[in-house]
């Protein structure tokens, strides 16, 4: 058989290269759709059998908890911190994560806890419940099934908070912290379990809802208008200055609670707390005010990370915190597609939040006659 002409082989090779390039381009363009399809449980939430409920009387139901949670020690900080973590579960077979999912738990311990609960270690004893969190997929779609999964997750968080108050709080001042999905759940918690109970609200030093949208015209508790103001709400959703699409997506796609239901903002302006100013404000904060960003990923729990000062400036614009790009390469997005759609593996306001929360706890203790924390 006669050999094929060299030009023919080149043509075949060029065709194969072009085909591969087209496939790669299509995968890049539709990567979000491909990811969503892979993570979709492909079962209506109404017929879904969720994982077993956590029992918050047991230590295994808590991702973080003091060694002797029912007996505060004299060496403990003067307050407690109830921490609702962000999404760490991708999805796939489940709308809501089993609390013993190994991959989700590792991401919490190695990334989310050091970066987002870490700033509050010196503020109070940390109580972080494991809960049947709605999957990452539910944050990528506005389907009713996804909203049902997020409403379902709230039941666990509320049960954990009630157990914390009844068993571990002992009348101590406390701080509520929620991040991303956890912030949305904490927002409802503040409205239904804190603000609705004056004796509980009186002990709240402050609430921090990180990367969370709360309507400015109807926050669950009064907003923080000044540093050291106790009992107030610091909530913000952020986008980098050169990410107008991200800022617009926050306004267009974020869900808020209304009478126990999740609904769109519908043109309302989000509350915007500026961590560099310690207040809800439209003033611009220069990078000189940034006390310390940090990448605490992989650090042993409780270890203090190296602070990187003057990394970012920040200003509130149309209810979105617009942040400059950080200077350090350690404060850059990393990981897989799914990782980059979760809370970042660093905290641009680590030291700022620590200082802010300590000030609000001190102000609460100084200005309010709280019962002395019980020391057994």
Protein backbone atom coordinates (compact mmCIF):
# COMPACT_ATOMS: atom_id res chain seq x y z
CA UNK A 1 0.00 0.00 0.00
CA UNK A 2 1.36 3.40 -0.92
CA UNK A 3 2.38 5.67 1.95
CA UNK A 4 0.11 8.59 2.67
CA UNK A 5 1.45 11.93 1.48
CA UNK A 6 3.18 13.96 4.21
CA UNK A 7 0.79 16.84 3.59
CA UNK A 8 -2.17 14.58 4.41
CA UNK A 9 -0.65 13.62 7.78
CA UNK A 10 -0.11 17.26 8.61
CA UNK A 11 -3.73 17.97 7.74
CA UNK A 12 -4.95 15.17 10.01
CA UNK A 13 -2.71 16.37 12.83
CA UNK A 14 -3.96 19.95 12.42
CA UNK A 15 -7.55 18.70 12.50
CA UNK A 16 -6.96 16.79 15.73
CA UNK A 17 -5.33 19.83 17.35
CA UNK A 18 -8.23 22.04 16.27
CA UNK A 19 -10.77 19.55 17.61
CA UNK A 20 -9.01 19.37 20.99
CA UNK A 21 -8.78 23.18 21.11
CA UNK A 22 -12.52 23.52 20.41
CA UNK A 23 -13.37 21.01 23.14
CA UNK A 24 -11.06 22.78 25.62
CA UNK A 25 -12.57 26.17 24.76
CA UNK A 26 -16.10 24.84 25.16
CA UNK A 27 -15.20 23.29 28.54
CA UNK A 28 -13.77 26.63 29.70
CA UNK A 29 -16.77 28.67 28.51
CA UNK A 30 -19.33 26.32 30.04
CA UNK A 31 -17.24 25.25 33.04
CA UNK A 32 -19.76 26.61 35.58
CA UNK A 33 -22.62 24.75 33.89
CA UNK A 34 -20.54 21.56 33.81
CA UNK A 35 -19.70 21.96 37.48
CA UNK A 36 -23.31 22.61 38.45
CA UNK A 37 -24.44 19.51 36.55
CA UNK A 38 -21.86 17.37 38.32
CA UNK A 39 -22.87 18.65 41.76
CA UNK A 40 -26.65 18.50 41.19
CA UNK A 41 -28.18 15.75 43.39
CA UNK A 42 -30.68 15.13 40.57
CA UNK A 43 -33.46 14.42 43.05
CA UNK A 44 -36.23 16.75 44.24
CA UNK A 45 -35.65 17.93 47.80
CA UNK A 46 -39.21 16.88 48.66
CA UNK A 47 -38.29 13.19 48.14
CA UNK A 48 -34.75 13.48 49.48
CA UNK A 49 -33.83 11.50 52.60
CA UNK A 50 -31.45 13.79 54.56
CA UNK A 51 -28.56 12.53 56.71
CA UNK A 52 -29.25 11.83 60.41
CA UNK A 53 -29.69 14.84 62.66
CA UNK A 54 -26.82 15.83 64.96
CA UNK A 55 -27.25 15.48 68.71
CA UNK A 56 -25.80 18.65 70.22
CA UNK A 57 -25.62 17.07 73.65
CA UNK A 58 -22.66 15.09 72.28
CA UNK A 59 -19.20 16.49 71.59
CA UNK A 60 -19.11 14.79 68.17
CA UNK A 61 -21.77 17.24 66.97
CA UNK A 62 -19.42 20.19 67.56
CA UNK A 63 -16.52 20.98 65.24
CA UNK A 64 -15.02 23.32 67.85
CA UNK A 65 -15.73 23.42 71.55
CA UNK A 66 -13.72 24.14 74.73
CA UNK A 67 -12.24 21.22 76.64
CA UNK A 68 -14.66 21.80 79.54
CA UNK A 69 -17.54 23.61 77.82
CA UNK A 70 -19.92 23.44 80.79
CA UNK A 71 -17.32 24.81 83.23
CA UNK A 72 -15.59 28.07 82.21
CA UNK A 73 -12.10 28.48 83.62
CA UNK A 74 -10.63 31.65 85.10
CA UNK A 75 -8.01 31.61 82.33
CA UNK A 76 -10.67 31.64 79.59
CA UNK A 77 -11.52 34.85 77.71
CA UNK A 78 -14.49 36.70 79.25
CA UNK A 79 -16.91 35.91 76.42
CA UNK A 80 -18.08 33.08 74.17
CA UNK A 81 -18.20 32.93 70.38
CA UNK A 82 -20.93 31.02 68.55
CA UNK A 83 -19.44 30.33 65.11
CA UNK A 84 -21.45 29.16 62.09
CA UNK A 85 -18.99 28.03 59.44
CA UNK A 86 -19.16 28.51 55.67
CA UNK A 87 -19.80 25.92 52.99
CA UNK A 88 -17.24 23.11 52.88
CA UNK A 89 -19.39 20.42 51.20
CA UNK A 90 -19.50 20.27 47.38
CA UNK A 91 -22.61 18.17 46.90
CA UNK A 92 -23.35 15.41 44.41
CA UNK A 93 -25.41 12.73 46.14
CA UNK A 94 -26.72 15.01 48.90
CA UNK A 95 -28.52 18.34 49.12
CA UNK A 96 -27.28 18.62 52.71
CA UNK A 97 -23.99 17.33 54.08
CA UNK A 98 -23.68 14.50 56.57
CA UNK A 99 -21.93 15.96 59.61
CA UNK A 100 -19.27 13.23 59.39
CA UNK A 101 -18.25 13.94 55.79
CA UNK A 102 -14.45 13.63 55.95
CA UNK A 103 -13.57 15.95 53.07
CA UNK A 104 -15.86 18.73 54.31
CA UNK A 105 -14.51 18.37 57.85
CA UNK A 106 -10.88 18.55 56.69
CA UNK A 107 -11.58 21.74 54.74
CA UNK A 108 -13.19 23.27 57.82
CA UNK A 109 -10.29 22.35 60.11
CA UNK A 110 -7.45 23.21 57.74
CA UNK A 111 -8.88 26.33 56.05
CA UNK A 112 -12.10 27.79 57.37
CA UNK A 113 -11.58 27.53 61.13
CA UNK A 114 -8.02 28.97 61.17
CA UNK A 115 -8.95 31.87 58.88
CA UNK A 116 -12.42 32.80 60.09
CA UNK A 117 -12.84 31.49 63.65
CA UNK A 118 -9.16 32.19 64.39
CA UNK A 119 -9.61 35.97 64.78
CA UNK A 120 -11.99 35.30 67.70
CA UNK A 121 -9.88 32.86 69.72
CA UNK A 122 -8.71 35.69 72.02
CA UNK A 123 -12.24 37.11 72.18
CA UNK A 124 -14.06 34.10 73.61
CA UNK A 125 -14.46 30.35 73.93
CA UNK A 126 -15.36 29.03 70.46
CA UNK A 127 -18.49 26.93 69.93
CA UNK A 128 -18.84 25.81 66.29
CA UNK A 129 -21.59 23.28 65.58
CA UNK A 130 -21.39 20.72 62.85
CA UNK A 131 -24.60 21.08 60.88
CA UNK A 132 -26.18 19.55 57.82
CA UNK A 133 -25.02 22.41 55.65
CA UNK A 134 -26.55 22.99 52.25
CA UNK A 135 -24.11 21.95 49.54
CA UNK A 136 -22.07 24.28 47.35
CA UNK A 137 -24.51 23.48 44.55
CA UNK A 138 -27.32 25.21 46.44
CA UNK A 139 -25.33 28.46 46.31
CA UNK A 140 -24.94 28.20 42.53
CA UNK A 141 -28.63 28.01 41.65
CA UNK A 142 -31.87 29.76 42.59
CA UNK A 143 -33.99 26.60 42.33
CA UNK A 144 -36.63 26.10 45.00
CA UNK A 145 -34.97 22.78 45.93
CA UNK A 146 -31.79 24.68 46.80
CA UNK A 147 -33.72 27.14 48.95
CA UNK A 148 -35.39 24.23 50.76
CA UNK A 149 -31.97 22.72 51.51
CA UNK A 150 -30.78 26.01 52.98
CA UNK A 151 -33.94 26.37 55.09
CA UNK A 152 -33.40 22.81 56.31
CA UNK A 153 -29.84 23.66 57.45
CA UNK A 154 -31.19 26.42 59.67
CA UNK A 155 -32.97 23.89 61.89
CA UNK A 156 -29.64 22.41 62.97
CA UNK A 157 -28.04 25.79 63.67
CA UNK A 158 -30.99 26.91 65.77
CA UNK A 159 -30.95 23.64 67.73
CA UNK A 160 -27.22 24.01 68.38
CA UNK A 161 -27.63 27.59 69.60
CA UNK A 162 -30.42 26.62 71.99
CA UNK A 163 -28.26 23.82 73.39
CA UNK A 164 -25.36 26.25 73.76
CA UNK A 165 -27.51 28.76 75.68
CA UNK A 166 -29.08 26.13 77.91
CA UNK A 167 -25.95 24.17 78.75
CA UNK A 168 -22.78 26.17 78.16
CA UNK A 169 -23.39 29.93 78.24
CA UNK A 170 -24.01 30.46 81.99
CA UNK A 171 -25.03 34.10 81.43
CA UNK A 172 -21.73 35.06 79.78
CA UNK A 173 -21.33 37.75 77.10
CA UNK A 174 -21.19 36.23 73.64
CA UNK A 175 -20.45 37.03 70.02
CA UNK A 176 -22.11 35.49 66.96
CA UNK A 177 -19.98 34.92 63.86
CA UNK A 178 -21.23 33.53 60.55
CA UNK A 179 -19.42 33.21 57.24
CA UNK A 180 -21.05 33.06 53.78
CA UNK A 181 -23.83 30.39 54.03
CA UNK A 182 -23.21 30.34 57.78
CA UNK A 183 -23.71 34.10 57.84
CA UNK A 184 -27.10 33.81 56.17
CA UNK A 185 -28.16 31.23 58.75
CA UNK A 186 -26.76 33.36 61.58
CA UNK A 187 -28.79 36.32 60.30
CA UNK A 188 -32.02 34.41 60.88
CA UNK A 189 -30.68 33.15 64.21
CA UNK A 190 -30.15 36.74 65.36
CA UNK A 191 -33.71 37.67 64.45
CA UNK A 192 -35.47 34.65 65.94
CA UNK A 193 -33.27 33.49 68.84
CA UNK A 194 -31.46 36.65 69.99
CA UNK A 195 -33.38 39.86 69.21
CA UNK A 196 -36.67 38.20 70.14
CA UNK A 197 -35.35 37.40 73.65
CA UNK A 198 -34.33 40.55 75.58
CA UNK A 199 -32.41 38.61 78.23
CA UNK A 200 -30.27 37.03 75.48
CA UNK A 201 -29.90 40.22 73.46
CA UNK A 202 -28.56 42.00 76.56
CA UNK A 203 -25.54 39.63 76.56
CA UNK A 204 -24.70 40.01 72.86
CA UNK A 205 -21.43 41.92 72.43
CA UNK A 206 -21.66 41.89 68.63
CA UNK A 207 -22.40 39.85 65.54
CA UNK A 208 -20.15 39.47 62.49
CA UNK A 209 -21.74 38.18 59.29
CA UNK A 210 -18.80 37.85 56.91
CA UNK A 211 -19.43 37.88 53.17
CA UNK A 212 -23.15 37.92 53.94
CA UNK A 213 -25.95 40.02 52.50
CA UNK A 214 -28.40 41.56 54.97
CA UNK A 215 -30.89 44.25 53.83
CA UNK A 216 -29.91 47.63 55.24
CA UNK A 217 -33.55 48.60 55.73
CA UNK A 218 -34.37 45.56 57.90
CA UNK A 219 -31.33 44.17 59.77
CA UNK A 220 -32.10 41.56 62.45
CA UNK A 221 -30.38 43.73 65.13
CA UNK A 222 -29.13 47.35 65.06
CA UNK A 223 -26.11 47.93 62.78
CA UNK A 224 -22.69 48.85 64.14
CA UNK A 225 -22.35 52.60 63.60
CA UNK A 226 -19.17 53.06 65.66
CA UNK A 227 -16.28 51.03 67.14
CA UNK A 228 -16.90 49.64 70.64
CA UNK A 229 -20.68 49.82 70.20
CA UNK A 230 -21.98 46.61 71.82
CA UNK A 231 -24.96 44.54 70.74
CA UNK A 232 -24.79 45.47 67.06
CA UNK A 233 -24.43 43.90 63.62
CA UNK A 234 -21.36 44.02 61.38
CA UNK A 235 -22.37 42.50 58.03
CA UNK A 236 -20.85 42.90 54.60
CA UNK A 237 -20.42 41.21 51.24
CA UNK A 238 -17.23 42.06 49.39
CA UNK A 239 -15.90 42.24 45.86
CA UNK A 240 -12.54 43.37 44.55
CA UNK A 241 -12.41 46.80 42.94
CA UNK A 242 -11.82 45.33 39.48
CA UNK A 243 -14.68 42.82 39.74
CA UNK A 244 -17.83 44.74 38.75
CA UNK A 245 -19.49 41.47 37.68
CA UNK A 246 -19.01 40.02 41.17
CA UNK A 247 -20.44 43.17 42.78
CA UNK A 248 -23.47 43.04 40.49
CA UNK A 249 -23.97 39.33 41.16
CA UNK A 250 -24.10 40.08 44.89
CA UNK A 251 -26.94 42.53 44.27
CA UNK A 252 -28.78 40.35 41.75
CA UNK A 253 -28.49 36.83 43.16
CA UNK A 254 -28.07 37.06 46.93
CA UNK A 255 -30.87 35.61 49.06
CA UNK A 256 -32.14 37.07 52.32
CA UNK A 257 -34.61 35.88 54.94
CA UNK A 258 -38.16 37.22 54.94
CA UNK A 259 -40.65 35.62 57.33
CA UNK A 260 -38.68 32.38 57.35
CA UNK A 261 -38.37 32.23 53.58
CA UNK A 262 -35.40 32.95 51.32
CA UNK A 263 -36.01 35.58 48.68
CA UNK A 264 -34.03 37.92 46.43
CA UNK A 265 -33.00 41.41 47.46
CA UNK A 266 -35.34 42.90 44.82
CA UNK A 267 -33.32 46.09 44.51
CA UNK A 268 -32.83 46.69 48.23
CA UNK A 269 -29.41 47.90 49.40
CA UNK A 270 -27.32 45.54 51.53
CA UNK A 271 -25.90 46.59 54.88
CA UNK A 272 -22.20 47.40 54.45
CA UNK A 273 -19.89 47.35 57.47
CA UNK A 274 -16.31 48.39 56.76
CA UNK A 275 -13.93 46.31 58.96
CA UNK A 276 -11.16 48.92 58.53
CA UNK A 277 -13.39 51.63 60.04
CA UNK A 278 -15.28 49.50 62.56
CA UNK A 279 -18.59 50.93 61.37
CA UNK A 280 -21.23 51.00 58.68
CA UNK A 281 -19.91 53.89 56.61
CA UNK A 282 -19.49 55.09 53.03
CA UNK A 283 -16.14 56.71 53.84
CA UNK A 284 -13.09 55.25 52.14
CA UNK A 285 -10.56 53.46 54.36
CA UNK A 286 -7.01 53.49 53.05
CA UNK A 287 -4.67 50.53 53.37
CA UNK A 288 -2.89 52.32 56.24
CA UNK A 289 -5.84 51.31 58.43
CA UNK A 290 -5.54 47.60 57.59
CA UNK A 291 -4.11 46.17 60.84
CA UNK A 292 -3.42 42.74 59.43
CA UNK A 293 -4.52 40.30 56.78
CA UNK A 294 -3.48 36.68 57.25
CA UNK A 295 -3.31 33.33 55.53
CA UNK A 296 -3.77 30.91 58.41
CA UNK A 297 -4.46 27.86 56.26
CA UNK A 298 -2.89 24.72 57.68
CA UNK A 299 -1.90 26.28 61.01
CA UNK A 300 -2.47 24.36 64.21
CA UNK A 301 -5.76 25.42 65.78
CA UNK A 302 -5.27 28.45 67.98
CA UNK A 303 -1.86 29.36 66.55
CA UNK A 304 -1.48 33.04 65.77
CA UNK A 305 -0.65 33.66 62.08
CA UNK A 306 1.84 36.20 60.79
CA UNK A 307 -0.06 39.43 60.07
CA UNK A 308 0.39 41.30 56.80
CA UNK A 309 -0.47 44.93 57.45
CA UNK A 310 -1.57 47.59 54.94
CA UNK A 311 -2.66 45.01 52.38
CA UNK A 312 -6.01 46.43 51.28
CA UNK A 313 -8.13 49.55 51.21
CA UNK A 314 -11.92 49.29 51.42
CA UNK A 315 -15.02 51.39 50.76
CA UNK A 316 -18.74 50.72 50.69
CA UNK A 317 -20.39 51.41 47.34
CA UNK A 318 -24.07 50.64 46.70
CA UNK A 319 -24.06 48.29 49.68
CA UNK A 320 -21.05 46.22 48.54
CA UNK A 321 -17.64 46.45 50.21
CA UNK A 322 -15.21 47.20 47.38
CA UNK A 323 -11.74 46.01 48.35
CA UNK A 324 -8.42 46.65 46.60
CA UNK A 325 -6.36 43.66 45.50
CA UNK A 326 -3.99 42.54 48.29
CA UNK A 327 -0.29 42.99 47.72
CA UNK A 328 0.94 39.66 49.09
CA UNK A 329 0.93 36.56 46.87
CA UNK A 330 -0.21 34.53 49.91
CA UNK A 331 -3.57 36.36 49.73
CA UNK A 332 -4.61 35.10 46.30
CA UNK A 333 -7.40 32.68 45.32
CA UNK A 334 -6.18 29.10 45.03
CA UNK A 335 -7.42 25.56 44.61
CA UNK A 336 -9.90 23.87 42.31
CA UNK A 337 -13.02 25.36 40.72
CA UNK A 338 -15.06 24.28 43.72
CA UNK A 339 -12.51 25.63 46.21
CA UNK A 340 -12.56 29.04 44.52
CA UNK A 341 -16.34 29.22 44.88
CA UNK A 342 -16.13 28.85 48.65
CA UNK A 343 -14.87 31.31 51.25
CA UNK A 344 -11.25 32.25 50.42
CA UNK A 345 -8.38 30.45 52.13
CA UNK A 346 -7.24 33.68 53.81
CA UNK A 347 -8.75 36.58 55.75
CA UNK A 348 -8.06 40.14 54.61
CA UNK A 349 -9.35 41.58 57.91
CA UNK A 350 -8.03 39.05 60.45
CA UNK A 351 -6.41 41.48 62.92
CA UNK A 352 -9.06 44.14 62.30
CA UNK A 353 -11.85 41.77 63.34
CA UNK A 354 -9.94 40.59 66.42
CA UNK A 355 -9.45 44.17 67.61
CA UNK A 356 -13.03 45.15 66.79
CA UNK A 357 -14.59 42.21 68.64
CA UNK A 358 -12.39 42.67 71.71
CA UNK A 359 -13.49 46.31 71.90
CA UNK A 360 -17.18 45.43 71.75
CA UNK A 361 -16.85 42.78 74.45
CA UNK A 362 -14.99 45.22 76.71
CA UNK A 363 -17.63 47.89 76.09
CA UNK A 364 -20.44 45.49 76.96
CA UNK A 365 -18.73 44.46 80.19
CA UNK A 366 -18.02 48.08 81.11
CA UNK A 367 -21.48 49.50 80.46
CA UNK A 368 -23.87 46.70 81.34
CA UNK A 369 -24.45 44.99 84.66
CA UNK A 370 -24.15 41.40 83.46
CA UNK A 371 -24.17 38.48 85.88
CA UNK A 372 -20.65 37.36 86.73
CA UNK A 373 -19.63 34.42 84.53
CA UNK A 374 -19.88 31.24 86.56
CA UNK A 375 -16.59 29.54 87.33
CA UNK A 376 -17.06 25.98 88.63
